[in-house]
Amino acid sequence: MSSPLFRVFLLLLALAAGAATAQSPQRVNIRGTVTAFDGKTISVDARGVGPVQVALPEAVSVAGTKAFSLADVKPGMVLGVTTVKRADGATVAIDVRPIPATASLGLSPFDLAPGATMTNAALEGQAVSADGSELVLNYKSGTVKVLVPPGTPMSQAVPGNRSDIKAGETIFISALVGDDNKLTAARVQVSTNGVKPTQ
């Protein structure tokens, strides 16, 4: 096993350690800056890890990114909201994104930050509070009230193409770890016109 791949695997598993997850332990999320792309392999300076290489199969589509804000949120919209618990017990968003209406709803651990939870849910209510905006999210088996402070990262995935993957762009890759420890992209989102993936 090469040292960079070993570090990526351990780092991303460590971020999710201590929490049960439905996600396969052989799937890892890679966030960082593209250093090269030859049409088949993406070289990434991965956040907190260093250089890694990820194979990009022809069948995997590439998403771009555009800006998203609370002004774009509508009642009933399905959102992917990553949250953490604040010291006072409040559930606070650290990322908000629209996701397909067909996405499975529910709560699951997520590795964007230590102790983070991903909530896939439909917007049931929205109000302004002293600390920002409050969203009431219905994730099918329950509801949760989430505080969205000013400046919370938000973005939206849009159709893109392989030519968007260029050195200097910010990238998010959901990758599979093969038996040979080779990383293969299953989902890719890259920055577009300066708008970066926030997940």
N, C-alpha and C. Protein backbone atom coordinates (compact mmCIF):
# COMPACT_ATOMS: atom_id res chain seq x y z
N MET A 1 0.86 -1.20 0.00
CA MET A 1 0.00 0.00 0.00
C MET A 1 0.89 1.24 0.00
N SER A 2 0.58 2.20 -0.87
CA SER A 2 1.39 3.42 -0.91
C SER A 2 1.05 4.29 0.29
N SER A 3 2.01 5.07 0.74
CA SER A 3 1.84 5.88 1.94
C SER A 3 0.69 6.88 1.82
N PRO A 4 0.55 7.65 0.71
CA PRO A 4 -0.56 8.61 0.62
C PRO A 4 -1.92 7.95 0.71
N LEU A 5 -2.10 6.80 0.03
CA LEU A 5 -3.39 6.13 0.07
C LEU A 5 -3.69 5.63 1.48
N PHE A 6 -2.66 5.13 2.14
CA PHE A 6 -2.84 4.66 3.51
C PHE A 6 -3.28 5.79 4.42
N ARG A 7 -2.66 6.98 4.26
CA ARG A 7 -3.02 8.13 5.08
C ARG A 7 -4.44 8.57 4.82
N VAL A 8 -4.85 8.59 3.53
CA VAL A 8 -6.22 8.99 3.19
C VAL A 8 -7.23 8.04 3.83
N PHE A 9 -6.97 6.75 3.70
CA PHE A 9 -7.90 5.76 4.23
C PHE A 9 -8.05 5.90 5.73
N LEU A 10 -6.92 6.02 6.44
CA LEU A 10 -6.97 6.13 7.89
C LEU A 10 -7.60 7.44 8.35
N LEU A 11 -7.26 8.53 7.67
CA LEU A 11 -7.80 9.83 8.07
C LEU A 11 -9.31 9.86 7.96
N LEU A 12 -9.82 9.41 6.83
CA LEU A 12 -11.26 9.52 6.60
C LEU A 12 -12.05 8.53 7.45
N LEU A 13 -11.46 7.38 7.74
CA LEU A 13 -12.12 6.47 8.67
C LEU A 13 -12.09 7.05 10.08
N ALA A 14 -11.01 7.72 10.43
CA ALA A 14 -10.90 8.29 11.77
C ALA A 14 -11.93 9.38 11.99
N LEU A 15 -12.25 10.16 10.96
CA LEU A 15 -13.24 11.22 11.10
C LEU A 15 -14.62 10.66 11.45
N ALA A 16 -14.88 9.44 10.98
CA ALA A 16 -16.18 8.84 11.26
C ALA A 16 -16.13 7.87 12.44
N ALA A 17 -14.98 7.73 13.07
CA ALA A 17 -14.83 6.77 14.16
C ALA A 17 -15.74 7.11 15.32
N GLY A 18 -16.23 6.05 15.95
CA GLY A 18 -17.06 6.23 17.13
C GLY A 18 -18.53 6.37 16.81
N ALA A 19 -18.88 6.38 15.54
CA ALA A 19 -20.29 6.51 15.16
C ALA A 19 -20.66 5.40 14.21
N ALA A 20 -21.82 4.81 14.44
CA ALA A 20 -22.31 3.79 13.53
C ALA A 20 -22.69 4.46 12.23
N THR A 21 -22.45 3.79 11.12
CA THR A 21 -22.77 4.37 9.82
C THR A 21 -23.21 3.32 8.85
N ALA A 22 -24.19 3.70 8.00
CA ALA A 22 -24.66 2.79 6.98
C ALA A 22 -23.72 2.82 5.79
N GLN A 23 -22.81 3.79 5.76
CA GLN A 23 -21.91 3.93 4.64
C GLN A 23 -20.84 2.84 4.71
N SER A 24 -20.54 2.23 3.56
CA SER A 24 -19.53 1.19 3.52
C SER A 24 -18.18 1.75 3.97
N PRO A 25 -17.43 0.99 4.77
CA PRO A 25 -16.11 1.46 5.20
C PRO A 25 -15.14 1.56 4.04
N GLN A 26 -15.52 1.02 2.87
CA GLN A 26 -14.64 1.09 1.70
C GLN A 26 -14.94 2.31 0.83
N ARG A 27 -15.78 3.21 1.30
CA ARG A 27 -16.05 4.45 0.59
C ARG A 27 -15.50 5.61 1.42
N VAL A 28 -14.72 6.48 0.80
CA VAL A 28 -14.12 7.60 1.50
C VAL A 28 -14.39 8.90 0.74
N ASN A 29 -14.44 9.99 1.47
CA ASN A 29 -14.62 11.31 0.86
C ASN A 29 -13.29 12.04 0.82
N ILE A 30 -12.99 12.60 -0.32
CA ILE A 30 -11.73 13.33 -0.52
C ILE A 30 -12.06 14.76 -0.89
N ARG A 31 -11.48 15.71 -0.17
CA ARG A 31 -11.69 17.13 -0.43
C ARG A 31 -10.33 17.78 -0.59
N GLY A 32 -10.18 18.62 -1.60
CA GLY A 32 -8.90 19.26 -1.78
C GLY A 32 -8.81 20.04 -3.07
N THR A 33 -7.58 20.23 -3.54
CA THR A 33 -7.32 21.01 -4.74
C THR A 33 -6.74 20.12 -5.82
N VAL A 34 -7.29 20.23 -7.02
CA VAL A 34 -6.78 19.46 -8.16
C VAL A 34 -5.37 19.96 -8.50
N THR A 35 -4.44 19.02 -8.66
CA THR A 35 -3.09 19.39 -9.09
C THR A 35 -2.85 18.97 -10.54
N ALA A 36 -3.59 17.95 -11.02
CA ALA A 36 -3.45 17.52 -12.41
C ALA A 36 -4.60 16.58 -12.76
N PHE A 37 -4.92 16.50 -14.05
CA PHE A 37 -5.92 15.55 -14.54
C PHE A 37 -5.56 15.21 -15.98
N ASP A 38 -5.33 13.92 -16.23
CA ASP A 38 -4.92 13.49 -17.56
C ASP A 38 -6.07 12.85 -18.36
N GLY A 39 -7.30 13.04 -17.86
CA GLY A 39 -8.45 12.46 -18.52
C GLY A 39 -8.88 11.14 -17.91
N LYS A 40 -8.00 10.53 -17.13
CA LYS A 40 -8.31 9.24 -16.50
C LYS A 40 -8.07 9.24 -14.99
N THR A 41 -7.08 10.00 -14.56
CA THR A 41 -6.71 10.02 -13.14
C THR A 41 -6.65 11.45 -12.65
N ILE A 42 -7.33 11.70 -11.51
CA ILE A 42 -7.32 13.02 -10.89
C ILE A 42 -6.27 13.01 -9.78
N SER A 43 -5.32 13.92 -9.87
CA SER A 43 -4.34 14.10 -8.80
C SER A 43 -4.83 15.23 -7.90
N VAL A 44 -4.89 14.96 -6.61
CA VAL A 44 -5.46 15.90 -5.66
C VAL A 44 -4.52 16.12 -4.49
N ASP A 45 -4.37 17.38 -4.10
CA ASP A 45 -3.73 17.71 -2.83
C ASP A 45 -4.84 17.70 -1.80
N ALA A 46 -5.04 16.53 -1.18
CA ALA A 46 -6.18 16.31 -0.29
C ALA A 46 -6.01 17.03 1.03
N ARG A 47 -7.10 17.64 1.48
CA ARG A 47 -7.09 18.42 2.72
C ARG A 47 -6.62 17.58 3.91
N GLY A 48 -5.56 18.03 4.56
CA GLY A 48 -5.07 17.36 5.75
C GLY A 48 -4.35 16.05 5.49
N VAL A 49 -4.16 15.69 4.23
CA VAL A 49 -3.58 14.39 3.91
C VAL A 49 -2.38 14.52 2.99
N GLY A 50 -2.53 15.28 1.92
CA GLY A 50 -1.46 15.41 0.95
C GLY A 50 -1.83 14.81 -0.39
N PRO A 51 -0.86 14.54 -1.25
CA PRO A 51 -1.15 14.08 -2.61
C PRO A 51 -1.78 12.69 -2.66
N VAL A 52 -2.86 12.59 -3.43
CA VAL A 52 -3.50 11.29 -3.71
C VAL A 52 -3.91 11.28 -5.17
N GLN A 53 -4.12 10.08 -5.70
CA GLN A 53 -4.58 9.93 -7.07
C GLN A 53 -5.85 9.10 -7.07
N VAL A 54 -6.82 9.56 -7.87
CA VAL A 54 -8.13 8.91 -7.93
C VAL A 54 -8.49 8.64 -9.38
N ALA A 55 -8.77 7.39 -9.71
CA ALA A 55 -9.19 7.05 -11.07
C ALA A 55 -10.61 7.54 -11.31
N LEU A 56 -10.86 8.10 -12.49
CA LEU A 56 -12.19 8.58 -12.86
C LEU A 56 -12.72 7.75 -14.03
N PRO A 57 -13.62 6.79 -13.75
CA PRO A 57 -14.18 5.96 -14.82
C PRO A 57 -14.99 6.79 -15.82
N GLU A 58 -15.06 6.32 -17.05
CA GLU A 58 -15.81 7.02 -18.09
C GLU A 58 -17.29 7.16 -17.71
N ALA A 59 -17.82 6.18 -16.98
CA ALA A 59 -19.25 6.17 -16.65
C ALA A 59 -19.63 7.15 -15.55
N VAL A 60 -18.65 7.69 -14.83
CA VAL A 60 -18.94 8.60 -13.72
C VAL A 60 -19.05 10.03 -14.26
N SER A 61 -20.22 10.65 -14.04
CA SER A 61 -20.41 12.02 -14.49
C SER A 61 -19.78 12.99 -13.50
N VAL A 62 -19.47 14.19 -13.99
CA VAL A 62 -18.85 15.22 -13.18
C VAL A 62 -19.85 16.35 -12.97
N ALA A 63 -20.02 16.77 -11.71
CA ALA A 63 -20.90 17.90 -11.40
C ALA A 63 -20.07 19.16 -11.21
N GLY A 64 -20.63 20.28 -11.63
CA GLY A 64 -20.05 21.56 -11.33
C GLY A 64 -20.72 22.14 -10.09
N THR A 65 -20.48 23.40 -9.81
CA THR A 65 -21.01 24.02 -8.59
C THR A 65 -21.49 25.42 -8.89
N LYS A 66 -22.64 25.79 -8.32
CA LYS A 66 -23.07 27.17 -8.41
C LYS A 66 -23.52 27.65 -7.04
N ALA A 67 -23.63 28.96 -6.91
CA ALA A 67 -23.98 29.54 -5.61
C ALA A 67 -25.40 29.18 -5.21
N PHE A 68 -25.62 29.09 -3.91
CA PHE A 68 -26.93 28.77 -3.34
C PHE A 68 -27.05 29.56 -2.05
N SER A 69 -28.25 30.03 -1.74
CA SER A 69 -28.45 30.81 -0.52
C SER A 69 -29.82 30.49 0.06
N LEU A 70 -30.06 30.99 1.26
CA LEU A 70 -31.37 30.77 1.89
C LEU A 70 -32.49 31.41 1.09
N ALA A 71 -32.17 32.41 0.28
CA ALA A 71 -33.20 33.03 -0.56
C ALA A 71 -33.72 32.06 -1.61
N ASP A 72 -32.93 31.02 -1.90
CA ASP A 72 -33.33 30.02 -2.89
C ASP A 72 -34.15 28.89 -2.27
N VAL A 73 -34.21 28.84 -0.96
CA VAL A 73 -34.90 27.75 -0.28
C VAL A 73 -36.41 27.97 -0.32
N LYS A 74 -37.14 26.93 -0.72
CA LYS A 74 -38.59 27.00 -0.82
C LYS A 74 -39.23 25.91 0.04
N PRO A 75 -40.45 26.14 0.54
CA PRO A 75 -41.14 25.12 1.34
C PRO A 75 -41.23 23.80 0.58
N GLY A 76 -40.93 22.72 1.28
CA GLY A 76 -40.99 21.40 0.68
C GLY A 76 -39.72 20.98 -0.03
N MET A 77 -38.78 21.92 -0.24
CA MET A 77 -37.52 21.58 -0.91
C MET A 77 -36.75 20.57 -0.08
N VAL A 78 -36.13 19.60 -0.76
CA VAL A 78 -35.33 18.60 -0.07
C VAL A 78 -33.89 19.12 0.01
N LEU A 79 -33.36 19.13 1.23
CA LEU A 79 -32.04 19.68 1.48
C LEU A 79 -31.13 18.64 2.13
N GLY A 80 -29.84 18.77 1.84
CA GLY A 80 -28.83 18.03 2.57
C GLY A 80 -28.15 19.03 3.49
N VAL A 81 -28.34 18.88 4.79
CA VAL A 81 -27.82 19.85 5.76
C VAL A 81 -26.88 19.14 6.72
N THR A 82 -25.62 19.55 6.70
CA THR A 82 -24.65 18.98 7.64
C THR A 82 -24.66 19.84 8.90
N THR A 83 -24.77 19.19 10.06
CA THR A 83 -24.89 19.92 11.32
C THR A 83 -23.92 19.40 12.37
N VAL A 84 -23.68 20.26 13.35
CA VAL A 84 -22.95 19.87 14.56
C VAL A 84 -23.74 20.38 15.75
N LYS A 85 -23.49 19.80 16.91
CA LYS A 85 -24.13 20.25 18.14
C LYS A 85 -23.28 21.34 18.80
N ARG A 86 -23.91 22.45 19.13
CA ARG A 86 -23.23 23.52 19.83
C ARG A 86 -23.21 23.21 21.32
N ALA A 87 -22.34 23.89 22.06
CA ALA A 87 -22.21 23.62 23.50
C ALA A 87 -23.52 23.78 24.26
N ASP A 88 -24.39 24.69 23.76
CA ASP A 88 -25.68 24.89 24.43
C ASP A 88 -26.74 23.91 23.98
N GLY A 89 -26.35 22.95 23.15
CA GLY A 89 -27.29 21.92 22.70
C GLY A 89 -27.97 22.22 21.38
N ALA A 90 -27.80 23.44 20.84
CA ALA A 90 -28.42 23.80 19.58
C ALA A 90 -27.80 23.02 18.43
N THR A 91 -28.62 22.66 17.44
CA THR A 91 -28.15 22.00 16.24
C THR A 91 -27.85 23.08 15.20
N VAL A 92 -26.59 23.16 14.78
CA VAL A 92 -26.13 24.26 13.93
C VAL A 92 -25.63 23.74 12.59
N ALA A 93 -26.08 24.37 11.51
CA ALA A 93 -25.66 23.96 10.17
C ALA A 93 -24.24 24.43 9.87
N ILE A 94 -23.47 23.56 9.20
CA ILE A 94 -22.15 23.96 8.70
C ILE A 94 -22.10 23.80 7.18
N ASP A 95 -23.17 23.33 6.59
CA ASP A 95 -23.27 23.20 5.13
C ASP A 95 -24.73 22.99 4.77
N VAL A 96 -25.20 23.69 3.75
CA VAL A 96 -26.59 23.54 3.29
C VAL A 96 -26.57 23.41 1.78
N ARG A 97 -27.23 22.36 1.26
CA ARG A 97 -27.27 22.13 -0.18
C ARG A 97 -28.63 21.56 -0.58
N PRO A 98 -29.16 21.94 -1.73
CA PRO A 98 -30.33 21.25 -2.24
C PRO A 98 -29.90 19.90 -2.80
N ILE A 99 -30.71 18.88 -2.60
CA ILE A 99 -30.42 17.55 -3.14
C ILE A 99 -31.65 17.04 -3.89
N PRO A 100 -31.51 15.99 -4.69
CA PRO A 100 -32.66 15.51 -5.46
C PRO A 100 -33.85 15.15 -4.59
N ALA A 101 -35.05 15.43 -5.09
CA ALA A 101 -36.27 15.12 -4.34
C ALA A 101 -36.42 13.63 -4.10
N THR A 102 -35.72 12.82 -4.91
CA THR A 102 -35.79 11.35 -4.77
C THR A 102 -34.80 10.80 -3.76
N ALA A 103 -33.98 11.68 -3.16
CA ALA A 103 -32.97 11.22 -2.21
C ALA A 103 -33.62 10.58 -0.99
N SER A 104 -32.97 9.58 -0.42
CA SER A 104 -33.48 8.95 0.80
C SER A 104 -33.35 9.93 1.96
N LEU A 105 -34.44 10.06 2.73
CA LEU A 105 -34.44 10.97 3.86
C LEU A 105 -33.95 10.27 5.12
N GLY A 106 -33.30 11.03 5.99
CA GLY A 106 -32.83 10.44 7.24
C GLY A 106 -31.60 11.16 7.77
N LEU A 107 -31.08 10.63 8.87
CA LEU A 107 -29.90 11.18 9.53
C LEU A 107 -28.77 10.16 9.46
N SER A 108 -27.55 10.63 9.26
CA SER A 108 -26.40 9.73 9.27
C SER A 108 -25.15 10.53 9.61
N PRO A 109 -24.15 9.87 10.21
CA PRO A 109 -22.88 10.56 10.49
C PRO A 109 -22.24 11.03 9.19
N PHE A 110 -21.51 12.13 9.26
CA PHE A 110 -20.85 12.66 8.07
C PHE A 110 -19.49 13.20 8.48
N ASP A 111 -18.52 13.12 7.58
CA ASP A 111 -17.13 13.41 7.96
C ASP A 111 -16.67 14.83 7.64
N LEU A 112 -17.59 15.76 7.41
CA LEU A 112 -17.18 17.13 7.12
C LEU A 112 -16.51 17.78 8.32
N ALA A 113 -16.94 17.38 9.52
CA ALA A 113 -16.34 17.88 10.76
C ALA A 113 -16.54 16.81 11.84
N PRO A 114 -15.69 16.80 12.86
CA PRO A 114 -15.86 15.82 13.94
C PRO A 114 -17.25 15.93 14.56
N GLY A 115 -17.92 14.79 14.69
CA GLY A 115 -19.24 14.75 15.31
C GLY A 115 -20.37 15.26 14.43
N ALA A 116 -20.10 15.49 13.15
CA ALA A 116 -21.12 16.04 12.25
C ALA A 116 -22.15 14.99 11.85
N THR A 117 -23.35 15.48 11.55
CA THR A 117 -24.45 14.64 11.08
C THR A 117 -24.99 15.21 9.78
N MET A 118 -25.26 14.32 8.82
CA MET A 118 -25.91 14.73 7.58
C MET A 118 -27.41 14.47 7.73
N THR A 119 -28.20 15.50 7.50
CA THR A 119 -29.65 15.38 7.53
C THR A 119 -30.19 15.59 6.12
N ASN A 120 -30.77 14.55 5.55
CA ASN A 120 -31.49 14.68 4.28
C ASN A 120 -32.96 14.82 4.63
N ALA A 121 -33.54 15.97 4.33
CA ALA A 121 -34.89 16.24 4.82
C ALA A 121 -35.60 17.28 3.97
N ALA A 122 -36.92 17.30 4.09
CA ALA A 122 -37.72 18.30 3.41
C ALA A 122 -37.93 19.49 4.33
N LEU A 123 -37.88 20.69 3.77
CA LEU A 123 -38.08 21.90 4.57
C LEU A 123 -39.54 22.01 4.96
N GLU A 124 -39.78 22.05 6.27
CA GLU A 124 -41.14 22.14 6.79
C GLU A 124 -41.47 23.55 7.26
N GLY A 125 -40.44 24.29 7.65
CA GLY A 125 -40.67 25.66 8.13
C GLY A 125 -39.38 26.44 8.16
N GLN A 126 -39.50 27.77 8.13
CA GLN A 126 -38.33 28.64 8.14
C GLN A 126 -38.68 29.92 8.87
N ALA A 127 -37.76 30.36 9.73
CA ALA A 127 -37.99 31.59 10.48
C ALA A 127 -36.66 32.29 10.72
N VAL A 128 -36.72 33.58 10.97
CA VAL A 128 -35.53 34.37 11.28
C VAL A 128 -35.37 34.44 12.79
N SER A 129 -34.13 34.23 13.27
CA SER A 129 -33.86 34.32 14.70
C SER A 129 -32.74 35.33 14.92
N ALA A 130 -32.43 35.58 16.17
CA ALA A 130 -31.38 36.55 16.50
C ALA A 130 -30.01 36.06 16.02
N ASP A 131 -29.85 34.75 15.92
CA ASP A 131 -28.56 34.18 15.53
C ASP A 131 -28.47 33.84 14.04
N GLY A 132 -29.54 34.05 13.31
CA GLY A 132 -29.55 33.69 11.89
C GLY A 132 -30.93 33.24 11.46
N SER A 133 -30.98 32.17 10.69
CA SER A 133 -32.27 31.59 10.27
C SER A 133 -32.43 30.22 10.89
N GLU A 134 -33.67 29.87 11.17
CA GLU A 134 -33.97 28.54 11.70
C GLU A 134 -34.77 27.77 10.66
N LEU A 135 -34.33 26.55 10.38
CA LEU A 135 -35.03 25.67 9.46
C LEU A 135 -35.61 24.50 10.25
N VAL A 136 -36.86 24.18 9.98
CA VAL A 136 -37.45 22.97 10.53
C VAL A 136 -37.42 21.93 9.43
N LEU A 137 -36.67 20.86 9.65
CA LEU A 137 -36.46 19.83 8.64
C LEU A 137 -37.17 18.54 9.01
N ASN A 138 -37.92 18.01 8.06
CA ASN A 138 -38.64 16.75 8.26
C ASN A 138 -37.89 15.65 7.53
N TYR A 139 -37.29 14.73 8.30
CA TYR A 139 -36.49 13.66 7.69
C TYR A 139 -37.24 12.33 7.68
N LYS A 140 -38.54 12.38 7.63
CA LYS A 140 -39.47 11.25 7.47
C LYS A 140 -39.82 10.59 8.79
N SER A 141 -38.81 10.28 9.62
CA SER A 141 -39.10 9.63 10.90
C SER A 141 -39.09 10.62 12.05
N GLY A 142 -38.93 11.90 11.73
CA GLY A 142 -38.92 12.92 12.76
C GLY A 142 -38.59 14.29 12.18
N THR A 143 -38.50 15.28 13.04
CA THR A 143 -38.13 16.63 12.61
C THR A 143 -37.00 17.14 13.49
N VAL A 144 -36.26 18.10 12.95
CA VAL A 144 -35.19 18.73 13.70
C VAL A 144 -35.15 20.21 13.34
N LYS A 145 -34.90 21.05 14.36
CA LYS A 145 -34.77 22.49 14.14
C LYS A 145 -33.29 22.81 14.03
N VAL A 146 -32.91 23.45 12.93
CA VAL A 146 -31.50 23.71 12.65
C VAL A 146 -31.27 25.21 12.54
N LEU A 147 -30.28 25.71 13.26
CA LEU A 147 -29.88 27.11 13.15
C LEU A 147 -28.87 27.25 12.01
N VAL A 148 -29.12 28.22 11.13
CA VAL A 148 -28.20 28.50 10.02
C VAL A 148 -27.62 29.90 10.26
N PRO A 149 -26.43 29.99 10.85
CA PRO A 149 -25.84 31.30 11.14
C PRO A 149 -25.45 32.02 9.84
N PRO A 150 -25.34 33.34 9.88
CA PRO A 150 -24.86 34.08 8.71
C PRO A 150 -23.48 33.56 8.29
N GLY A 151 -23.27 33.45 6.99
CA GLY A 151 -21.98 32.98 6.49
C GLY A 151 -21.84 31.48 6.39
N THR A 152 -22.90 30.73 6.72
CA THR A 152 -22.83 29.27 6.61
C THR A 152 -22.55 28.88 5.15
N PRO A 153 -21.57 28.01 4.89
CA PRO A 153 -21.28 27.60 3.52
C PRO A 153 -22.49 26.93 2.86
N MET A 154 -22.76 27.33 1.64
CA MET A 154 -23.86 26.76 0.86
C MET A 154 -23.43 26.67 -0.59
N SER A 155 -23.88 25.63 -1.27
CA SER A 155 -23.60 25.50 -2.70
C SER A 155 -24.62 24.55 -3.32
N GLN A 156 -24.62 24.52 -4.65
CA GLN A 156 -25.55 23.65 -5.37
C GLN A 156 -24.80 22.94 -6.48
N ALA A 157 -25.00 21.63 -6.57
CA ALA A 157 -24.40 20.86 -7.66
C ALA A 157 -25.19 21.08 -8.94
N VAL A 158 -24.49 21.26 -10.04
CA VAL A 158 -25.11 21.45 -11.36
C VAL A 158 -24.36 20.56 -12.36
N PRO A 159 -24.97 20.26 -13.49
CA PRO A 159 -24.27 19.44 -14.49
C PRO A 159 -22.94 20.07 -14.90
N GLY A 160 -21.93 19.26 -14.98
CA GLY A 160 -20.62 19.72 -15.42
C GLY A 160 -20.04 18.73 -16.40
N ASN A 161 -18.76 18.84 -16.66
CA ASN A 161 -18.10 17.87 -17.52
C ASN A 161 -16.64 17.73 -17.12
N ARG A 162 -15.98 16.76 -17.73
CA ARG A 162 -14.62 16.43 -17.33
C ARG A 162 -13.65 17.58 -17.57
N SER A 163 -13.95 18.44 -18.53
CA SER A 163 -13.05 19.57 -18.80
C SER A 163 -13.04 20.59 -17.66
N ASP A 164 -14.02 20.49 -16.74
CA ASP A 164 -14.04 21.39 -15.58
C ASP A 164 -12.96 21.03 -14.55
N ILE A 165 -12.44 19.81 -14.66
CA ILE A 165 -11.43 19.35 -13.70
C ILE A 165 -10.07 19.85 -14.17
N LYS A 166 -9.60 20.91 -13.55
CA LYS A 166 -8.34 21.55 -13.93
C LYS A 166 -7.52 21.85 -12.69
N ALA A 167 -6.22 21.94 -12.89
CA ALA A 167 -5.33 22.28 -11.78
C ALA A 167 -5.76 23.60 -11.14
N GLY A 168 -5.83 23.60 -9.82
CA GLY A 168 -6.22 24.79 -9.07
C GLY A 168 -7.67 24.79 -8.64
N GLU A 169 -8.50 23.94 -9.28
CA GLU A 169 -9.91 23.89 -8.89
C GLU A 169 -10.08 23.10 -7.59
N THR A 170 -11.09 23.47 -6.81
CA THR A 170 -11.43 22.74 -5.59
C THR A 170 -12.34 21.58 -5.96
N ILE A 171 -12.14 20.42 -5.33
CA ILE A 171 -12.89 19.24 -5.73
C ILE A 171 -13.35 18.44 -4.51
N PHE A 172 -14.52 17.82 -4.66
CA PHE A 172 -15.03 16.84 -3.70
C PHE A 172 -15.20 15.54 -4.45
N ILE A 173 -14.65 14.47 -3.91
CA ILE A 173 -14.76 13.15 -4.55
C ILE A 173 -15.22 12.13 -3.51
N SER A 174 -16.30 11.43 -3.83
CA SER A 174 -16.68 10.25 -3.06
C SER A 174 -16.07 9.07 -3.79
N ALA A 175 -15.12 8.40 -3.14
CA ALA A 175 -14.33 7.37 -3.82
C ALA A 175 -14.47 6.01 -3.14
N LEU A 176 -14.33 4.99 -3.95
CA LEU A 176 -14.31 3.62 -3.46
C LEU A 176 -12.87 3.17 -3.33
N VAL A 177 -12.59 2.42 -2.25
CA VAL A 177 -11.26 1.86 -2.04
C VAL A 177 -11.30 0.40 -2.47
N GLY A 178 -10.55 0.08 -3.53
CA GLY A 178 -10.56 -1.28 -4.06
C GLY A 178 -9.73 -2.23 -3.23
N ASP A 179 -9.80 -3.51 -3.58
CA ASP A 179 -9.02 -4.52 -2.87
C ASP A 179 -7.52 -4.24 -2.97
N ASP A 180 -7.13 -3.56 -4.06
CA ASP A 180 -5.72 -3.21 -4.23
C ASP A 180 -5.40 -1.85 -3.63
N ASN A 181 -6.37 -1.29 -2.87
CA ASN A 181 -6.24 0.02 -2.23
C ASN A 181 -6.21 1.17 -3.23
N LYS A 182 -6.60 0.91 -4.46
CA LYS A 182 -6.70 1.95 -5.47
C LYS A 182 -7.99 2.73 -5.24
N LEU A 183 -7.93 4.05 -5.36
CA LEU A 183 -9.10 4.90 -5.19
C LEU A 183 -9.76 5.13 -6.54
N THR A 184 -11.09 4.89 -6.58
CA THR A 184 -11.85 5.08 -7.81
C THR A 184 -13.05 5.97 -7.52
N ALA A 185 -13.19 7.04 -8.27
CA ALA A 185 -14.28 8.00 -8.03
C ALA A 185 -15.64 7.38 -8.32
N ALA A 186 -16.58 7.62 -7.40
CA ALA A 186 -17.98 7.23 -7.61
C ALA A 186 -18.84 8.47 -7.81
N ARG A 187 -18.40 9.60 -7.27
CA ARG A 187 -19.11 10.88 -7.43
C ARG A 187 -18.08 12.00 -7.35
N VAL A 188 -18.23 12.98 -8.25
CA VAL A 188 -17.27 14.07 -8.33
C VAL A 188 -18.01 15.40 -8.46
N GLN A 189 -17.59 16.39 -7.67
CA GLN A 189 -18.10 17.75 -7.82
C GLN A 189 -16.91 18.69 -7.76
N VAL A 190 -16.82 19.60 -8.74
CA VAL A 190 -15.68 20.49 -8.85
C VAL A 190 -16.13 21.94 -8.85
N SER A 191 -15.27 22.82 -8.41
CA SER A 191 -15.61 24.25 -8.39
C SER A 191 -15.82 24.77 -9.79
N THR A 192 -16.74 25.76 -9.91
CA THR A 192 -17.05 26.35 -11.20
C THR A 192 -17.16 27.87 -11.03
N ASN A 193 -16.43 28.60 -11.86
CA ASN A 193 -16.46 30.07 -11.81
C ASN A 193 -16.21 30.60 -10.40
N GLY A 194 -15.31 29.94 -9.69
CA GLY A 194 -14.94 30.39 -8.34
C GLY A 194 -15.85 29.90 -7.22
N VAL A 195 -16.95 29.22 -7.56
CA VAL A 195 -17.86 28.70 -6.54
C VAL A 195 -17.42 27.28 -6.19
N LYS A 196 -17.09 27.06 -4.91
CA LYS A 196 -16.52 25.80 -4.47
C LYS A 196 -17.57 24.86 -3.87
N PRO A 197 -17.40 23.54 -4.03
CA PRO A 197 -18.26 22.60 -3.30
C PRO A 197 -18.08 22.82 -1.81
N THR A 198 -19.18 22.80 -1.08
CA THR A 198 -19.11 23.07 0.36
C THR A 198 -19.21 21.81 1.21
N GLN A 199 -19.53 20.68 0.58
CA GLN A 199 -19.70 19.48 1.38
C GLN A 199 -18.39 18.82 1.74
